Amino acid sequence: MADIYDNTILCNKCEEKLQKAHAIRGGFKLRSWWCPNCKEQTIHPADETIHRQFIELKKREFEVKLRQIGNSWAVSIPKEIIRFQEVKETKIIRMNMEEPGKLTIFFSKIYE
């Protein structure tokens, strides 16, 4: 399926050809177009949607279960976070203790 980002886009105000660019919002690198004439930037709609989903997830506080399994402990990760991170059957995560009481989990993509 073709992506709109691969096509030539014209400014809806001045009909000038838009240039590809990127915008950084909250750690996200969003694809965008920039009009050299109007000096306006337009964010790719798919990237904007993903960014909004992240903002909504970030606002929520999840209460999850902690269980002992053998000599280890397991934490349930809410399905909304799993879906957003596009976790499949094989996913590697990294975690570390940032400070007492604060555990950080990093999701890594596996490229096949």
N, C-alpha and C. Protein backbone atom coordinates (compact mmCIF):
# COMPACT_ATOMS: atom_id res chain seq x y z
N MET A 1 0.85 -1.18 0.00
CA MET A 1 0.00 0.00 0.00
C MET A 1 0.89 1.25 0.00
N ALA A 2 0.60 2.17 -0.87
CA ALA A 2 1.39 3.39 -0.99
C ALA A 2 1.12 4.32 0.18
N ASP A 3 2.16 5.02 0.59
CA ASP A 3 2.05 5.98 1.69
C ASP A 3 1.98 7.38 1.10
N ILE A 4 1.13 8.20 1.65
CA ILE A 4 0.97 9.57 1.17
C ILE A 4 2.29 10.34 1.25
N TYR A 5 3.16 9.95 2.14
CA TYR A 5 4.45 10.63 2.32
C TYR A 5 5.36 10.46 1.09
N ASP A 6 5.09 9.45 0.29
CA ASP A 6 5.89 9.19 -0.90
C ASP A 6 5.41 9.97 -2.12
N ASN A 7 4.35 10.74 -1.97
CA ASN A 7 3.78 11.50 -3.07
C ASN A 7 4.12 12.98 -2.98
N THR A 8 3.93 13.67 -4.09
CA THR A 8 4.12 15.12 -4.12
C THR A 8 2.85 15.77 -3.58
N ILE A 9 3.02 16.67 -2.62
CA ILE A 9 1.89 17.34 -1.98
C ILE A 9 2.04 18.84 -2.24
N LEU A 10 0.91 19.49 -2.55
CA LEU A 10 0.91 20.93 -2.76
C LEU A 10 0.25 21.62 -1.58
N CYS A 11 0.73 22.81 -1.25
CA CYS A 11 0.15 23.61 -0.17
C CYS A 11 -1.27 23.99 -0.55
N ASN A 12 -2.19 23.86 0.41
CA ASN A 12 -3.58 24.19 0.11
C ASN A 12 -3.83 25.70 0.13
N LYS A 13 -2.83 26.50 0.53
CA LYS A 13 -2.98 27.96 0.54
C LYS A 13 -2.34 28.61 -0.69
N CYS A 14 -1.09 28.19 -1.00
CA CYS A 14 -0.36 28.89 -2.06
C CYS A 14 -0.01 27.99 -3.25
N GLU A 15 -0.39 26.72 -3.20
CA GLU A 15 -0.13 25.75 -4.27
C GLU A 15 1.36 25.46 -4.49
N GLU A 16 2.21 25.85 -3.55
CA GLU A 16 3.64 25.57 -3.62
C GLU A 16 3.87 24.09 -3.26
N LYS A 17 4.87 23.48 -3.88
CA LYS A 17 5.22 22.09 -3.56
C LYS A 17 5.79 22.03 -2.15
N LEU A 18 5.23 21.15 -1.31
CA LEU A 18 5.69 21.00 0.07
C LEU A 18 6.96 20.16 0.11
N GLN A 19 7.83 20.50 1.04
CA GLN A 19 9.07 19.77 1.25
C GLN A 19 8.89 18.81 2.41
N LYS A 20 9.50 17.63 2.29
CA LYS A 20 9.45 16.66 3.39
C LYS A 20 10.28 17.18 4.55
N ALA A 21 9.77 16.95 5.75
CA ALA A 21 10.46 17.40 6.96
C ALA A 21 10.11 16.45 8.09
N HIS A 22 10.59 16.75 9.28
CA HIS A 22 10.26 16.00 10.48
C HIS A 22 9.99 16.98 11.61
N ALA A 23 9.09 16.59 12.49
CA ALA A 23 8.80 17.37 13.68
C ALA A 23 9.04 16.47 14.89
N ILE A 24 9.56 17.03 15.96
CA ILE A 24 9.78 16.27 17.18
C ILE A 24 8.76 16.74 18.21
N ARG A 25 7.97 15.79 18.71
CA ARG A 25 6.97 16.09 19.75
C ARG A 25 7.05 15.00 20.81
N GLY A 26 7.40 15.39 22.01
CA GLY A 26 7.42 14.44 23.12
C GLY A 26 8.26 13.21 22.86
N GLY A 27 9.37 13.37 22.16
CA GLY A 27 10.23 12.23 21.88
C GLY A 27 9.88 11.48 20.61
N PHE A 28 8.79 11.84 19.95
CA PHE A 28 8.39 11.20 18.71
C PHE A 28 8.94 11.99 17.53
N LYS A 29 9.47 11.29 16.56
CA LYS A 29 9.90 11.91 15.31
C LYS A 29 8.76 11.70 14.32
N LEU A 30 8.03 12.76 14.04
CA LEU A 30 6.84 12.70 13.19
C LEU A 30 7.18 13.17 11.78
N ARG A 31 6.75 12.41 10.80
CA ARG A 31 6.92 12.84 9.41
C ARG A 31 6.02 14.04 9.16
N SER A 32 6.51 14.96 8.37
CA SER A 32 5.71 16.15 8.08
C SER A 32 6.11 16.73 6.74
N TRP A 33 5.36 17.75 6.34
CA TRP A 33 5.67 18.52 5.15
C TRP A 33 5.76 19.98 5.57
N TRP A 34 6.60 20.72 4.87
CA TRP A 34 6.82 22.12 5.20
C TRP A 34 6.70 22.95 3.94
N CYS A 35 5.93 24.03 4.01
CA CYS A 35 5.76 24.93 2.87
C CYS A 35 6.81 26.03 2.97
N PRO A 36 7.72 26.12 2.00
CA PRO A 36 8.75 27.16 2.05
C PRO A 36 8.17 28.56 1.85
N ASN A 37 7.01 28.65 1.26
CA ASN A 37 6.38 29.94 1.01
C ASN A 37 5.57 30.42 2.23
N CYS A 38 4.67 29.58 2.72
CA CYS A 38 3.80 29.95 3.86
C CYS A 38 4.49 29.74 5.22
N LYS A 39 5.54 28.96 5.23
CA LYS A 39 6.27 28.62 6.46
C LYS A 39 5.42 27.80 7.44
N GLU A 40 4.47 27.03 6.90
CA GLU A 40 3.61 26.19 7.75
C GLU A 40 4.02 24.73 7.62
N GLN A 41 3.84 24.00 8.71
CA GLN A 41 4.18 22.59 8.75
C GLN A 41 2.92 21.77 8.95
N THR A 42 2.83 20.66 8.21
CA THR A 42 1.70 19.74 8.33
C THR A 42 2.24 18.38 8.72
N ILE A 43 1.69 17.80 9.78
CA ILE A 43 2.12 16.49 10.28
C ILE A 43 1.40 15.39 9.51
N HIS A 44 2.12 14.31 9.23
CA HIS A 44 1.53 13.14 8.56
C HIS A 44 0.37 12.63 9.42
N PRO A 45 -0.81 12.40 8.83
CA PRO A 45 -1.97 11.99 9.63
C PRO A 45 -1.78 10.70 10.42
N ALA A 46 -1.08 9.71 9.87
CA ALA A 46 -0.87 8.46 10.59
C ALA A 46 0.03 8.68 11.80
N ASP A 47 1.07 9.50 11.64
CA ASP A 47 1.97 9.79 12.76
C ASP A 47 1.26 10.60 13.83
N GLU A 48 0.39 11.51 13.41
CA GLU A 48 -0.38 12.32 14.36
C GLU A 48 -1.30 11.42 15.19
N THR A 49 -1.91 10.43 14.55
CA THR A 49 -2.80 9.49 15.25
C THR A 49 -2.03 8.68 16.29
N ILE A 50 -0.86 8.18 15.92
CA ILE A 50 -0.04 7.41 16.87
C ILE A 50 0.39 8.28 18.04
N HIS A 51 0.75 9.52 17.75
CA HIS A 51 1.16 10.44 18.81
C HIS A 51 0.00 10.71 19.77
N ARG A 52 -1.20 10.91 19.23
CA ARG A 52 -2.39 11.13 20.09
C ARG A 52 -2.68 9.91 20.96
N GLN A 53 -2.54 8.70 20.39
CA GLN A 53 -2.75 7.48 21.16
C GLN A 53 -1.77 7.41 22.33
N PHE A 54 -0.52 7.78 22.07
CA PHE A 54 0.49 7.78 23.11
C PHE A 54 0.12 8.77 24.22
N ILE A 55 -0.31 9.96 23.85
CA ILE A 55 -0.68 10.99 24.83
C ILE A 55 -1.82 10.46 25.72
N GLU A 56 -2.80 9.80 25.12
CA GLU A 56 -3.91 9.24 25.89
C GLU A 56 -3.43 8.14 26.84
N LEU A 57 -2.55 7.27 26.36
CA LEU A 57 -2.00 6.22 27.23
C LEU A 57 -1.19 6.81 28.37
N LYS A 58 -0.45 7.86 28.07
CA LYS A 58 0.41 8.49 29.07
C LYS A 58 -0.41 9.12 30.21
N LYS A 59 -1.61 9.56 29.90
CA LYS A 59 -2.49 10.18 30.91
C LYS A 59 -3.05 9.16 31.90
N ARG A 60 -3.13 7.89 31.45
CA ARG A 60 -3.73 6.85 32.28
C ARG A 60 -2.75 6.30 33.29
N GLU A 61 -3.28 5.89 34.42
CA GLU A 61 -2.48 5.18 35.41
C GLU A 61 -3.06 3.78 35.52
N PHE A 62 -2.20 2.78 35.36
CA PHE A 62 -2.64 1.39 35.39
C PHE A 62 -2.26 0.76 36.72
N GLU A 63 -3.17 -0.03 37.26
CA GLU A 63 -2.89 -0.82 38.45
C GLU A 63 -2.81 -2.26 37.98
N VAL A 64 -1.64 -2.90 38.16
CA VAL A 64 -1.42 -4.24 37.62
C VAL A 64 -1.04 -5.21 38.74
N LYS A 65 -1.15 -6.50 38.43
CA LYS A 65 -0.84 -7.54 39.40
C LYS A 65 0.64 -7.90 39.35
N LEU A 66 1.20 -8.18 40.50
CA LEU A 66 2.56 -8.68 40.65
C LEU A 66 2.43 -10.09 41.23
N ARG A 67 2.99 -11.09 40.53
CA ARG A 67 2.85 -12.49 40.96
C ARG A 67 4.21 -13.16 41.01
N GLN A 68 4.34 -14.10 41.93
CA GLN A 68 5.56 -14.89 41.98
C GLN A 68 5.37 -16.14 41.13
N ILE A 69 6.36 -16.39 40.27
CA ILE A 69 6.37 -17.57 39.42
C ILE A 69 7.72 -18.24 39.62
N GLY A 70 7.76 -19.30 40.41
CA GLY A 70 9.03 -19.94 40.73
C GLY A 70 9.89 -19.00 41.55
N ASN A 71 11.12 -18.76 41.09
CA ASN A 71 12.03 -17.86 41.79
C ASN A 71 11.96 -16.42 41.25
N SER A 72 11.08 -16.19 40.31
CA SER A 72 10.96 -14.86 39.69
C SER A 72 9.60 -14.25 39.99
N TRP A 73 9.48 -12.99 39.64
CA TRP A 73 8.22 -12.28 39.79
C TRP A 73 7.77 -11.80 38.42
N ALA A 74 6.45 -11.79 38.19
CA ALA A 74 5.89 -11.37 36.90
C ALA A 74 4.92 -10.21 37.13
N VAL A 75 4.95 -9.27 36.20
CA VAL A 75 4.04 -8.12 36.22
C VAL A 75 3.16 -8.21 34.99
N SER A 76 1.86 -8.00 35.16
CA SER A 76 0.94 -7.96 34.03
C SER A 76 1.03 -6.59 33.37
N ILE A 77 1.23 -6.59 32.05
CA ILE A 77 1.27 -5.33 31.31
C ILE A 77 -0.07 -5.19 30.60
N PRO A 78 -0.78 -4.08 30.80
CA PRO A 78 -2.11 -3.91 30.20
C PRO A 78 -2.08 -4.04 28.67
N LYS A 79 -3.16 -4.62 28.14
CA LYS A 79 -3.24 -4.89 26.70
C LYS A 79 -3.16 -3.61 25.87
N GLU A 80 -3.60 -2.47 26.41
CA GLU A 80 -3.51 -1.21 25.66
C GLU A 80 -2.05 -0.85 25.37
N ILE A 81 -1.19 -1.09 26.35
CA ILE A 81 0.24 -0.80 26.17
C ILE A 81 0.85 -1.81 25.20
N ILE A 82 0.49 -3.07 25.33
CA ILE A 82 1.00 -4.12 24.44
C ILE A 82 0.61 -3.83 23.00
N ARG A 83 -0.65 -3.44 22.78
CA ARG A 83 -1.11 -3.11 21.42
C ARG A 83 -0.37 -1.90 20.87
N PHE A 84 -0.20 -0.88 21.69
CA PHE A 84 0.48 0.33 21.24
C PHE A 84 1.92 0.01 20.85
N GLN A 85 2.59 -0.82 21.64
CA GLN A 85 3.98 -1.18 21.37
C GLN A 85 4.12 -2.25 20.29
N GLU A 86 2.97 -2.75 19.80
CA GLU A 86 2.93 -3.78 18.76
C GLU A 86 3.75 -5.01 19.17
N VAL A 87 3.53 -5.46 20.39
CA VAL A 87 4.24 -6.64 20.89
C VAL A 87 3.65 -7.89 20.23
N LYS A 88 4.55 -8.72 19.72
CA LYS A 88 4.15 -9.99 19.12
C LYS A 88 4.62 -11.10 20.07
N GLU A 89 4.59 -12.32 19.60
CA GLU A 89 4.96 -13.46 20.45
C GLU A 89 6.39 -13.34 20.96
N THR A 90 7.32 -12.93 20.12
CA THR A 90 8.71 -12.82 20.54
C THR A 90 9.07 -11.34 20.68
N LYS A 91 9.29 -10.93 21.88
CA LYS A 91 9.63 -9.53 22.14
C LYS A 91 10.65 -9.50 23.26
N ILE A 92 11.71 -8.76 23.06
CA ILE A 92 12.74 -8.61 24.08
C ILE A 92 12.50 -7.28 24.78
N ILE A 93 12.55 -7.28 26.09
CA ILE A 93 12.46 -6.03 26.82
C ILE A 93 13.69 -5.88 27.69
N ARG A 94 14.05 -4.65 27.94
CA ARG A 94 15.13 -4.35 28.87
C ARG A 94 14.51 -3.59 30.02
N MET A 95 15.04 -3.79 31.20
CA MET A 95 14.54 -3.03 32.34
C MET A 95 15.68 -2.70 33.28
N ASN A 96 15.52 -1.61 33.99
CA ASN A 96 16.50 -1.23 34.99
C ASN A 96 15.84 -0.42 36.09
N MET A 97 16.49 -0.43 37.24
CA MET A 97 16.04 0.37 38.37
C MET A 97 16.65 1.76 38.22
N GLU A 98 15.81 2.76 38.06
CA GLU A 98 16.32 4.13 37.95
C GLU A 98 16.63 4.71 39.31
N GLU A 99 15.77 4.41 40.26
CA GLU A 99 15.94 4.87 41.64
C GLU A 99 15.06 3.98 42.50
N PRO A 100 15.17 4.02 43.81
CA PRO A 100 14.31 3.18 44.65
C PRO A 100 12.83 3.43 44.33
N GLY A 101 12.11 2.37 44.03
CA GLY A 101 10.68 2.48 43.75
C GLY A 101 10.35 2.80 42.31
N LYS A 102 11.36 2.91 41.43
CA LYS A 102 11.09 3.25 40.03
C LYS A 102 11.80 2.27 39.11
N LEU A 103 11.00 1.47 38.41
CA LEU A 103 11.49 0.49 37.45
C LEU A 103 11.13 0.98 36.05
N THR A 104 12.08 0.96 35.14
CA THR A 104 11.82 1.38 33.76
C THR A 104 11.92 0.16 32.86
N ILE A 105 10.96 0.03 31.94
CA ILE A 105 10.94 -1.05 30.96
C ILE A 105 11.11 -0.45 29.59
N PHE A 106 12.02 -1.03 28.80
CA PHE A 106 12.26 -0.59 27.44
C PHE A 106 11.87 -1.71 26.49
N PHE A 107 10.98 -1.40 25.55
CA PHE A 107 10.59 -2.37 24.52
C PHE A 107 11.56 -2.23 23.35
N SER A 108 12.03 -3.35 22.82
CA SER A 108 12.93 -3.36 21.68
C SER A 108 12.25 -4.08 20.54
N LYS A 109 12.44 -3.59 19.33
CA LYS A 109 11.88 -4.26 18.16
C LYS A 109 12.80 -5.38 17.74
N ILE A 110 12.20 -6.48 17.30
CA ILE A 110 12.95 -7.59 16.73
C ILE A 110 12.73 -7.54 15.24
N TYR A 111 13.80 -7.41 14.49
CA TYR A 111 13.70 -7.34 13.03
C TYR A 111 13.98 -8.72 12.46
N GLU A 112 13.03 -9.20 11.70
CA GLU A 112 13.16 -10.56 11.14
C GLU A 112 13.53 -10.50 9.68
